[in-house]
N, C-alpha and C. Protein backbone atom coordinates (compact mmCIF):
# COMPACT_ATOMS: atom_id res chain seq x y z
N MET A 1 49.13 -12.30 -28.65
CA MET A 1 49.02 -10.95 -28.19
C MET A 1 48.05 -11.03 -27.05
N THR A 2 48.43 -10.34 -25.90
CA THR A 2 47.73 -10.37 -24.67
C THR A 2 47.05 -8.97 -24.56
N THR A 3 45.80 -8.94 -24.06
CA THR A 3 45.26 -7.58 -23.84
C THR A 3 44.93 -7.52 -22.34
N ASN A 4 44.71 -6.34 -21.84
CA ASN A 4 44.34 -6.06 -20.36
C ASN A 4 42.97 -6.25 -20.20
N GLU A 5 42.18 -6.52 -21.24
CA GLU A 5 40.63 -6.69 -21.19
C GLU A 5 40.34 -8.03 -20.62
N PRO A 6 39.25 -8.10 -19.77
CA PRO A 6 38.78 -9.43 -19.29
C PRO A 6 38.31 -10.32 -20.58
N SER A 7 38.23 -11.50 -20.38
CA SER A 7 37.80 -12.42 -21.44
C SER A 7 36.25 -12.38 -21.47
N GLN A 8 35.75 -12.75 -22.34
CA GLN A 8 34.27 -12.92 -22.52
C GLN A 8 33.62 -13.75 -21.34
N ASP A 9 34.45 -14.95 -21.12
CA ASP A 9 34.07 -15.82 -20.14
C ASP A 9 34.01 -15.17 -18.76
N ALA A 10 34.98 -14.25 -18.63
CA ALA A 10 35.05 -13.60 -17.15
C ALA A 10 34.03 -12.46 -17.08
N ILE A 11 33.64 -11.90 -18.34
CA ILE A 11 32.68 -10.94 -18.19
C ILE A 11 31.17 -11.60 -17.97
N ASP A 12 31.10 -12.85 -18.60
CA ASP A 12 29.73 -13.61 -18.46
C ASP A 12 29.68 -14.22 -17.06
N ALA A 13 30.72 -14.73 -16.60
CA ALA A 13 30.58 -15.28 -15.32
C ALA A 13 30.35 -14.24 -14.15
N THR A 14 30.97 -13.06 -14.35
CA THR A 14 30.74 -11.90 -13.46
C THR A 14 29.26 -11.45 -13.51
N SER A 15 28.89 -11.48 -14.83
CA SER A 15 27.56 -10.86 -14.95
C SER A 15 26.39 -11.86 -14.38
N LEU A 16 26.76 -13.12 -14.62
CA LEU A 16 25.89 -14.21 -13.95
C LEU A 16 25.69 -14.11 -12.39
N GLY A 17 26.95 -13.85 -11.81
CA GLY A 17 26.97 -13.71 -10.33
C GLY A 17 26.16 -12.47 -9.99
N ILE A 18 26.21 -11.33 -10.59
CA ILE A 18 25.63 -10.20 -10.28
C ILE A 18 24.03 -10.46 -10.49
N ILE A 19 23.71 -11.08 -11.66
CA ILE A 19 22.23 -11.46 -11.70
C ILE A 19 21.71 -12.43 -10.62
N ARG A 20 22.48 -13.39 -10.28
CA ARG A 20 22.11 -14.39 -9.15
C ARG A 20 21.98 -13.63 -7.80
N ALA A 21 22.79 -12.69 -7.56
CA ALA A 21 22.80 -11.91 -6.23
C ALA A 21 21.49 -11.05 -6.26
N ALA A 22 21.22 -10.33 -7.50
CA ALA A 22 20.03 -9.55 -7.61
C ALA A 22 18.80 -10.39 -7.47
N LYS A 23 18.79 -11.60 -8.01
CA LYS A 23 17.54 -12.48 -7.94
C LYS A 23 17.43 -13.01 -6.52
N GLY A 24 18.63 -13.21 -5.78
CA GLY A 24 18.43 -13.63 -4.45
C GLY A 24 17.98 -12.52 -3.61
N ALA A 25 18.29 -11.18 -3.88
CA ALA A 25 17.73 -10.15 -3.05
C ALA A 25 16.31 -10.03 -3.41
N LYS A 26 15.89 -10.07 -4.72
CA LYS A 26 14.46 -9.98 -5.07
C LYS A 26 13.71 -10.99 -4.50
N ASP A 27 14.19 -12.29 -4.48
CA ASP A 27 13.33 -13.30 -3.71
C ASP A 27 13.19 -13.11 -2.31
N LYS A 28 14.31 -12.48 -1.60
CA LYS A 28 14.15 -12.15 -0.23
C LYS A 28 12.98 -11.18 -0.05
N LYS A 29 13.10 -10.00 -0.91
CA LYS A 29 12.08 -9.02 -0.82
C LYS A 29 10.67 -9.47 -1.13
N GLN A 30 10.62 -10.53 -2.02
CA GLN A 30 9.40 -11.06 -2.35
C GLN A 30 8.84 -11.94 -1.04
N GLY A 31 9.69 -12.52 -0.38
CA GLY A 31 9.44 -13.31 0.76
C GLY A 31 8.89 -12.33 1.85
N GLU A 32 9.57 -11.17 2.00
CA GLU A 32 9.22 -10.13 2.99
C GLU A 32 7.78 -9.56 2.69
N LEU A 33 7.55 -9.40 1.32
CA LEU A 33 6.28 -8.72 0.94
C LEU A 33 5.12 -9.83 1.24
N ARG A 34 5.46 -11.10 0.87
CA ARG A 34 4.42 -12.16 1.28
C ARG A 34 4.22 -12.15 2.89
N ALA A 35 5.08 -12.14 3.49
CA ALA A 35 4.93 -12.08 4.77
C ALA A 35 4.21 -10.83 5.44
N ALA A 36 4.58 -9.62 4.87
CA ALA A 36 3.65 -8.39 5.29
C ALA A 36 2.29 -8.65 4.87
N TYR A 37 1.94 -9.15 3.68
CA TYR A 37 0.62 -9.37 3.40
C TYR A 37 -0.17 -10.43 4.16
N SER A 38 0.59 -11.36 4.57
CA SER A 38 -0.07 -12.45 5.43
C SER A 38 -0.32 -11.88 6.73
N THR A 39 0.56 -11.19 7.32
CA THR A 39 0.33 -10.60 8.73
C THR A 39 -0.75 -9.65 8.68
N ALA A 40 -0.74 -8.77 7.64
CA ALA A 40 -1.93 -7.86 7.38
C ALA A 40 -3.19 -8.59 7.30
N ASP A 41 -3.26 -9.68 6.53
CA ASP A 41 -4.46 -10.35 6.35
C ASP A 41 -4.90 -10.97 7.62
N LEU A 42 -3.90 -11.59 8.43
CA LEU A 42 -4.42 -12.07 9.82
C LEU A 42 -4.99 -11.04 10.66
N ARG A 43 -4.49 -9.81 10.54
CA ARG A 43 -5.03 -8.58 11.22
C ARG A 43 -6.30 -8.16 10.79
N GLY A 44 -6.83 -8.68 9.64
CA GLY A 44 -8.22 -8.28 9.21
C GLY A 44 -8.08 -7.42 7.95
N LEU A 45 -6.95 -7.10 7.41
CA LEU A 45 -6.88 -6.34 6.22
C LEU A 45 -7.41 -7.10 5.07
N ASN A 46 -8.26 -6.43 4.16
CA ASN A 46 -8.63 -7.15 2.96
C ASN A 46 -7.60 -6.92 1.91
N THR A 47 -6.54 -7.89 1.83
CA THR A 47 -5.38 -7.66 0.96
C THR A 47 -5.69 -7.38 -0.41
N ASP A 48 -6.72 -8.04 -0.89
CA ASP A 48 -6.98 -7.90 -2.44
C ASP A 48 -7.34 -6.26 -2.64
N ALA A 49 -8.19 -5.81 -1.69
CA ALA A 49 -8.48 -4.27 -1.91
C ALA A 49 -7.26 -3.54 -1.61
N ALA A 50 -6.41 -3.90 -0.66
CA ALA A 50 -5.31 -3.14 -0.37
C ALA A 50 -4.20 -3.10 -1.61
N LYS A 51 -4.12 -4.22 -2.30
CA LYS A 51 -3.26 -4.29 -3.41
C LYS A 51 -3.77 -3.26 -4.51
N ILE A 52 -5.16 -3.20 -4.70
CA ILE A 52 -5.68 -2.24 -5.60
C ILE A 52 -5.32 -0.96 -5.19
N ALA A 53 -5.55 -0.67 -3.92
CA ALA A 53 -5.44 0.76 -3.37
C ALA A 53 -3.88 1.14 -3.47
N ILE A 54 -3.01 0.32 -3.22
CA ILE A 54 -1.66 0.56 -3.31
C ILE A 54 -1.24 0.80 -4.70
N LYS A 55 -1.66 0.06 -5.67
CA LYS A 55 -1.46 0.19 -7.01
C LYS A 55 -1.95 1.63 -7.50
N LEU A 56 -3.26 1.95 -7.11
CA LEU A 56 -3.76 3.07 -7.75
C LEU A 56 -3.07 4.40 -7.00
N ARG A 57 -2.80 4.24 -5.81
CA ARG A 57 -1.88 5.43 -5.19
C ARG A 57 -0.59 5.59 -5.91
N ASP A 58 0.14 4.49 -6.24
CA ASP A 58 1.34 4.60 -6.94
C ASP A 58 1.32 5.17 -8.32
N GLN A 59 0.18 4.81 -8.95
CA GLN A 59 -0.12 5.33 -10.38
C GLN A 59 -0.65 6.64 -10.38
N GLY A 60 -1.08 7.28 -9.37
CA GLY A 60 -1.54 8.61 -9.31
C GLY A 60 -3.09 8.95 -9.64
N GLN A 61 -3.32 10.17 -9.46
CA GLN A 61 -4.71 10.65 -9.43
C GLN A 61 -5.65 10.13 -10.75
N GLU A 62 -4.87 10.18 -11.86
CA GLU A 62 -5.52 9.82 -13.06
C GLU A 62 -5.88 8.23 -13.09
N ALA A 63 -5.14 7.48 -12.50
CA ALA A 63 -5.44 6.08 -12.34
C ALA A 63 -6.79 5.91 -11.31
N ILE A 64 -6.73 6.68 -10.33
CA ILE A 64 -7.79 6.59 -9.29
C ILE A 64 -9.16 7.08 -9.92
N ASP A 65 -9.00 8.22 -10.69
CA ASP A 65 -10.24 8.62 -11.45
C ASP A 65 -10.76 7.59 -12.28
N GLU A 66 -9.89 6.91 -12.94
CA GLU A 66 -10.19 5.87 -14.03
C GLU A 66 -11.01 4.80 -13.27
N HIS A 67 -10.45 4.46 -12.14
CA HIS A 67 -11.01 3.27 -11.35
C HIS A 67 -12.45 3.56 -10.87
N PHE A 68 -12.56 4.84 -10.41
CA PHE A 68 -14.00 5.18 -10.10
C PHE A 68 -14.89 5.38 -11.29
N LYS A 69 -14.41 5.76 -12.47
CA LYS A 69 -15.22 5.81 -13.49
C LYS A 69 -15.82 4.49 -13.80
N ILE A 70 -14.85 3.42 -13.77
CA ILE A 70 -15.25 1.99 -13.95
C ILE A 70 -16.37 1.50 -12.82
N PHE A 71 -16.11 2.02 -11.70
CA PHE A 71 -17.27 1.65 -10.63
C PHE A 71 -18.44 2.50 -11.00
N GLU A 72 -18.51 3.73 -11.47
CA GLU A 72 -19.58 4.45 -11.73
C GLU A 72 -20.49 3.62 -12.94
N ARG A 73 -19.62 3.31 -13.82
CA ARG A 73 -20.26 2.50 -15.10
C ARG A 73 -20.78 1.32 -14.61
N THR A 74 -19.98 0.55 -13.83
CA THR A 74 -20.53 -0.56 -13.34
C THR A 74 -21.95 -0.53 -12.61
N ALA A 75 -22.09 0.56 -11.79
CA ALA A 75 -23.28 0.77 -11.03
C ALA A 75 -24.46 1.14 -12.12
N HIS A 76 -24.05 1.90 -13.23
CA HIS A 76 -25.01 2.10 -14.23
C HIS A 76 -25.48 0.89 -14.95
N TYR A 77 -24.47 0.06 -15.30
CA TYR A 77 -25.03 -1.31 -15.94
C TYR A 77 -25.78 -2.12 -15.12
N LEU A 78 -25.43 -2.15 -13.89
CA LEU A 78 -26.38 -2.89 -12.94
C LEU A 78 -27.77 -2.26 -12.95
N LYS A 79 -27.93 -1.00 -12.92
CA LYS A 79 -29.27 -0.42 -12.98
C LYS A 79 -29.89 -0.80 -14.34
N LEU A 80 -29.22 -0.88 -15.41
CA LEU A 80 -29.73 -1.22 -16.75
C LEU A 80 -30.28 -2.57 -16.67
N MET A 81 -29.61 -3.51 -15.81
CA MET A 81 -30.06 -4.84 -15.76
C MET A 81 -31.03 -5.04 -14.42
N GLY A 82 -31.65 -3.96 -14.00
CA GLY A 82 -32.73 -4.14 -12.94
C GLY A 82 -32.24 -4.04 -11.56
N LYS A 83 -30.95 -3.72 -11.36
CA LYS A 83 -30.34 -3.82 -10.01
C LYS A 83 -29.71 -2.46 -9.89
N GLU A 84 -29.96 -1.94 -8.51
CA GLU A 84 -29.38 -0.56 -8.41
C GLU A 84 -28.77 -0.55 -6.99
N LEU A 85 -27.72 0.13 -6.92
CA LEU A 85 -26.97 0.35 -5.54
C LEU A 85 -27.83 1.17 -4.78
N SER A 86 -27.86 0.79 -3.46
CA SER A 86 -28.62 1.57 -2.36
C SER A 86 -27.74 2.67 -1.94
N PRO A 87 -28.45 3.65 -1.40
CA PRO A 87 -27.59 4.84 -0.79
C PRO A 87 -26.30 4.32 0.17
N ALA A 88 -26.80 3.19 0.90
CA ALA A 88 -25.81 2.74 1.88
C ALA A 88 -24.53 2.23 1.05
N GLN A 89 -24.83 1.51 -0.03
CA GLN A 89 -23.75 1.02 -0.85
C GLN A 89 -22.72 2.03 -1.45
N TYR A 90 -23.44 3.22 -1.81
CA TYR A 90 -22.70 4.39 -2.33
C TYR A 90 -21.84 5.01 -1.21
N GLU A 91 -22.38 5.06 0.08
CA GLU A 91 -21.78 5.59 1.13
C GLU A 91 -20.60 4.65 1.59
N MET A 92 -20.72 3.38 1.42
CA MET A 92 -19.77 2.38 1.68
C MET A 92 -18.35 2.67 1.05
N PHE A 93 -18.63 3.18 -0.09
CA PHE A 93 -17.46 3.57 -0.93
C PHE A 93 -16.87 5.05 -0.68
N GLY A 94 -17.57 5.60 0.31
CA GLY A 94 -17.09 6.98 0.64
C GLY A 94 -17.67 7.98 -0.35
N LEU A 95 -18.51 7.63 -1.25
CA LEU A 95 -19.09 8.55 -2.26
C LEU A 95 -20.24 9.32 -1.55
N ARG A 96 -20.17 10.67 -1.76
CA ARG A 96 -21.21 11.52 -1.38
C ARG A 96 -21.16 12.84 -2.28
N GLN A 97 -22.33 13.57 -2.14
CA GLN A 97 -22.36 14.72 -3.01
C GLN A 97 -21.47 15.79 -2.49
N GLY A 98 -20.85 16.55 -3.40
CA GLY A 98 -20.30 17.77 -3.06
C GLY A 98 -18.72 17.46 -2.62
N PRO A 99 -17.95 18.50 -2.78
CA PRO A 99 -16.43 18.42 -2.47
C PRO A 99 -16.17 18.30 -1.00
N THR A 100 -15.11 17.71 -0.53
CA THR A 100 -14.75 17.59 0.81
C THR A 100 -14.39 19.02 1.29
N PRO A 101 -14.82 19.36 2.46
CA PRO A 101 -14.41 20.70 3.06
C PRO A 101 -12.80 20.63 3.35
N GLU A 102 -12.15 21.84 3.09
CA GLU A 102 -10.80 21.99 3.10
C GLU A 102 -10.14 21.36 4.33
N THR A 103 -10.70 21.71 5.57
CA THR A 103 -10.15 21.24 6.78
C THR A 103 -10.24 19.76 6.86
N GLU A 104 -11.37 19.14 6.41
CA GLU A 104 -11.54 17.73 6.42
C GLU A 104 -10.60 17.07 5.48
N ARG A 105 -10.27 17.63 4.33
CA ARG A 105 -9.32 17.16 3.34
C ARG A 105 -7.90 17.13 4.00
N ALA A 106 -7.61 18.37 4.70
CA ALA A 106 -6.31 18.32 5.41
C ALA A 106 -6.09 17.29 6.40
N GLU A 107 -7.22 17.00 7.08
CA GLU A 107 -7.20 15.89 8.09
C GLU A 107 -6.96 14.59 7.54
N ILE A 108 -7.59 14.34 6.32
CA ILE A 108 -7.43 13.08 5.53
C ILE A 108 -6.00 13.07 5.14
N GLU A 109 -5.45 13.99 4.62
CA GLU A 109 -4.01 14.06 4.12
C GLU A 109 -3.10 13.87 5.22
N GLY A 110 -3.22 14.43 6.41
CA GLY A 110 -2.45 14.53 7.55
C GLY A 110 -2.52 12.94 8.07
N ARG A 111 -3.58 12.39 8.13
CA ARG A 111 -3.76 10.94 8.68
C ARG A 111 -2.95 10.01 7.79
N ALA A 112 -3.07 10.16 6.40
CA ALA A 112 -2.43 9.29 5.48
C ALA A 112 -0.82 9.42 5.81
N ALA A 113 -0.37 10.62 5.90
CA ALA A 113 1.06 10.90 6.25
C ALA A 113 1.51 10.34 7.47
N GLY A 114 0.64 10.35 8.44
CA GLY A 114 0.92 9.82 9.89
C GLY A 114 1.07 8.31 9.79
N PHE A 115 0.34 7.62 8.84
CA PHE A 115 0.35 6.19 8.78
C PHE A 115 1.61 5.83 8.00
N SER A 116 2.16 6.77 7.13
CA SER A 116 3.27 6.29 6.30
C SER A 116 4.40 5.93 7.07
N LEU A 117 5.27 4.97 6.49
CA LEU A 117 6.47 4.51 7.07
C LEU A 117 7.53 5.57 7.09
N ASP A 118 8.35 5.68 8.07
CA ASP A 118 9.43 6.58 7.99
C ASP A 118 10.26 6.45 6.88
N GLY A 119 10.69 7.58 6.20
CA GLY A 119 11.51 7.52 4.91
C GLY A 119 10.68 7.59 3.66
N GLU A 120 9.29 7.34 3.62
CA GLU A 120 8.48 7.54 2.62
C GLU A 120 8.27 9.07 2.39
N PRO A 121 8.13 9.47 1.10
CA PRO A 121 7.85 10.99 0.91
C PRO A 121 6.65 11.44 1.71
N GLY A 122 6.68 12.53 2.44
CA GLY A 122 5.58 13.07 3.08
C GLY A 122 5.26 12.54 4.44
N SER A 123 6.33 11.74 4.96
CA SER A 123 6.11 10.94 6.23
C SER A 123 6.60 11.72 7.53
N GLN A 124 6.84 12.98 7.43
CA GLN A 124 7.41 13.71 8.56
C GLN A 124 6.37 14.87 8.94
N GLU A 125 6.42 15.28 10.20
CA GLU A 125 5.63 16.44 10.52
C GLU A 125 5.99 17.62 9.75
N SER A 126 7.35 17.74 9.41
CA SER A 126 7.84 18.93 8.68
C SER A 126 7.38 19.01 7.30
N ASP A 127 6.67 17.87 6.75
CA ASP A 127 6.07 17.75 5.38
C ASP A 127 4.75 18.45 5.38
N ASN A 128 4.25 19.05 6.49
CA ASN A 128 2.87 19.60 6.41
C ASN A 128 2.83 20.51 5.30
N PRO A 129 1.83 20.36 4.33
CA PRO A 129 1.77 21.24 3.15
C PRO A 129 1.11 22.57 3.56
N TYR A 130 0.64 22.78 4.75
CA TYR A 130 -0.17 23.88 5.31
C TYR A 130 0.34 24.60 6.48
N PRO A 131 1.72 24.68 6.64
CA PRO A 131 2.16 25.26 7.78
C PRO A 131 1.60 26.57 8.23
N GLY A 132 1.29 26.73 9.58
CA GLY A 132 0.87 27.99 10.14
C GLY A 132 -0.50 28.30 9.83
N SER A 133 -1.35 27.45 9.39
CA SER A 133 -2.70 27.77 9.00
C SER A 133 -3.75 26.88 9.73
N LEU A 134 -4.96 27.14 9.75
CA LEU A 134 -5.98 26.29 10.26
C LEU A 134 -5.93 24.93 9.64
N LYS A 135 -5.85 24.89 8.24
CA LYS A 135 -5.69 23.55 7.56
C LYS A 135 -4.27 22.89 8.12
N GLY A 136 -3.33 23.65 8.24
CA GLY A 136 -2.07 23.07 8.83
C GLY A 136 -2.43 22.48 10.25
N ASN A 137 -3.02 23.08 11.02
CA ASN A 137 -3.40 22.61 12.39
C ASN A 137 -4.13 21.32 12.38
N HIS A 138 -5.04 21.27 11.38
CA HIS A 138 -5.96 19.91 11.31
C HIS A 138 -5.02 18.94 10.73
N TRP A 139 -4.22 19.24 9.73
CA TRP A 139 -3.34 18.23 9.26
C TRP A 139 -2.38 17.77 10.28
N LEU A 140 -1.74 18.56 11.06
CA LEU A 140 -0.82 18.10 12.06
C LEU A 140 -1.56 17.33 13.25
N THR A 141 -2.72 17.73 13.67
CA THR A 141 -3.45 16.93 14.70
C THR A 141 -3.73 15.53 14.20
N ALA A 142 -4.18 15.47 12.93
CA ALA A 142 -4.53 14.19 12.38
C ALA A 142 -3.13 13.26 12.10
N PHE A 143 -2.09 13.92 11.62
CA PHE A 143 -0.74 13.25 11.58
C PHE A 143 -0.32 12.59 12.79
N ARG A 144 -0.30 13.42 13.94
CA ARG A 144 0.07 13.03 15.25
C ARG A 144 -0.67 11.84 15.73
N GLN A 145 -2.05 11.97 15.60
CA GLN A 145 -2.89 10.89 16.08
C GLN A 145 -2.62 9.47 15.16
N ALA A 146 -2.52 9.67 13.88
CA ALA A 146 -2.24 8.48 13.13
C ALA A 146 -0.87 7.93 13.35
N ARG A 147 0.06 8.77 13.54
CA ARG A 147 1.46 8.39 13.95
C ARG A 147 1.37 7.54 15.27
N SER A 148 0.59 7.97 16.28
CA SER A 148 0.53 7.24 17.46
C SER A 148 -0.06 5.92 17.22
N GLU A 149 -1.07 5.84 16.36
CA GLU A 149 -1.85 4.61 16.12
C GLU A 149 -0.82 3.72 15.30
N ARG A 150 -0.20 4.25 14.41
CA ARG A 150 0.80 3.49 13.55
C ARG A 150 1.88 2.90 14.40
N ASN A 151 2.50 3.64 15.36
CA ASN A 151 3.38 3.06 16.25
C ASN A 151 2.98 1.98 17.16
N SER A 152 1.72 2.01 17.67
CA SER A 152 1.08 0.93 18.39
C SER A 152 1.04 -0.43 17.54
N VAL A 153 0.56 -0.10 16.30
CA VAL A 153 0.34 -1.21 15.42
C VAL A 153 1.64 -1.88 14.95
N LEU A 154 2.81 -1.02 14.75
CA LEU A 154 4.12 -1.60 14.53
C LEU A 154 4.72 -2.28 15.66
N SER A 155 4.22 -1.92 16.83
CA SER A 155 4.92 -2.64 18.04
C SER A 155 4.17 -3.86 18.48
N MET A 156 2.96 -4.18 17.79
CA MET A 156 2.29 -5.52 17.83
C MET A 156 3.05 -6.64 17.58
N LYS A 157 2.74 -7.74 18.24
CA LYS A 157 3.56 -8.98 17.80
C LYS A 157 2.61 -9.55 16.65
N ALA A 158 3.39 -10.21 15.69
CA ALA A 158 2.71 -10.71 14.54
C ALA A 158 1.61 -11.77 15.03
N PRO A 159 0.45 -11.65 14.52
CA PRO A 159 -0.54 -12.76 14.73
C PRO A 159 0.10 -14.25 14.40
N GLU A 160 -0.49 -15.23 14.95
CA GLU A 160 -0.09 -16.56 14.72
C GLU A 160 -1.45 -17.27 14.39
N SER A 161 -1.05 -18.38 13.45
CA SER A 161 -2.11 -19.17 13.05
C SER A 161 -1.77 -20.61 13.37
N LYS A 162 -2.71 -21.41 13.29
CA LYS A 162 -2.48 -22.84 13.60
C LYS A 162 -2.21 -23.47 12.32
N GLY A 163 -0.99 -24.23 12.38
CA GLY A 163 -0.47 -25.17 11.23
C GLY A 163 -1.33 -26.33 11.11
N SER A 164 -1.03 -27.15 10.12
CA SER A 164 -1.82 -28.31 9.77
C SER A 164 -1.72 -29.30 10.93
N ASP A 165 -0.59 -29.19 11.68
CA ASP A 165 -0.38 -30.09 12.75
C ASP A 165 -0.90 -29.68 14.17
N GLY A 166 -1.63 -28.55 14.05
CA GLY A 166 -2.14 -28.06 15.33
C GLY A 166 -1.20 -26.94 16.12
N GLU A 167 0.08 -26.94 15.68
CA GLU A 167 1.09 -26.05 16.21
C GLU A 167 0.79 -24.61 15.76
N ALA A 168 1.14 -23.57 16.66
CA ALA A 168 1.05 -22.27 16.21
C ALA A 168 2.12 -21.97 15.46
N GLU A 169 1.96 -21.16 14.35
CA GLU A 169 3.08 -20.68 13.36
C GLU A 169 2.77 -19.25 12.97
N THR A 170 3.87 -18.53 12.79
CA THR A 170 3.71 -17.12 12.24
C THR A 170 3.52 -17.39 10.73
N GLN A 171 2.50 -16.58 10.22
CA GLN A 171 2.23 -16.71 8.87
C GLN A 171 3.21 -15.90 8.03
N GLY A 172 3.51 -16.44 6.80
CA GLY A 172 4.34 -15.67 5.91
C GLY A 172 4.29 -16.41 4.52
N GLY A 173 3.32 -16.14 3.69
CA GLY A 173 3.20 -16.62 2.45
C GLY A 173 2.03 -16.25 1.59
N ALA A 174 1.46 -15.15 1.94
CA ALA A 174 0.24 -14.70 1.13
C ALA A 174 0.72 -14.33 -0.32
N ASP A 175 -0.07 -14.40 -1.19
CA ASP A 175 0.08 -14.27 -2.47
C ASP A 175 0.32 -12.63 -2.64
N ASP A 176 1.26 -12.26 -3.56
CA ASP A 176 1.49 -10.78 -3.76
C ASP A 176 1.34 -10.38 -5.12
N GLU A 177 1.36 -9.05 -5.40
CA GLU A 177 1.29 -8.63 -6.64
C GLU A 177 2.46 -8.38 -7.35
N GLY A 178 2.63 -8.66 -8.57
CA GLY A 178 3.90 -8.48 -9.33
C GLY A 178 4.87 -9.69 -9.26
N GLU A 179 4.40 -10.72 -8.73
CA GLU A 179 5.41 -11.96 -8.62
C GLU A 179 5.53 -12.53 -10.08
N GLU A 180 6.78 -12.91 -10.21
CA GLU A 180 6.82 -13.68 -11.54
C GLU A 180 6.83 -15.12 -11.42
């Protein structure tokens, strides 16, 4: 008796093909991610710190708060061991007393949105969360300035490094987060 259902071998072979195609796409994306980190590293970005910042941003405010609680405890433990962070070291982390003024906060948010790549949530001028207000004007000014800077960076030629044979080569192989 014949059925119209595919055989298990057909299902398995098709599934294996789908998995191989997905793995190939993942490998290509991993390569693109390595190249992006490598290029950013050559341009002076601290990629270790960038990976942490990206991870925290993606995880949300609770993860950011937890990360800084750990930093605060680390500073406290250093003090218990006879070492203390200087005011300059606290300032290096952007830590200061008191909340950020609203217009300054709007500028920070607008600048972050301006540096976002097109297609990311909040990456358009129309995403201004404070339209028609003083805060909105600060957000928009910072957004436009950052967008101009971002476009300049995106138009830059990728930096080159010297290979082991002395030939210039474009980098593409930095370690990345989440690789299996």
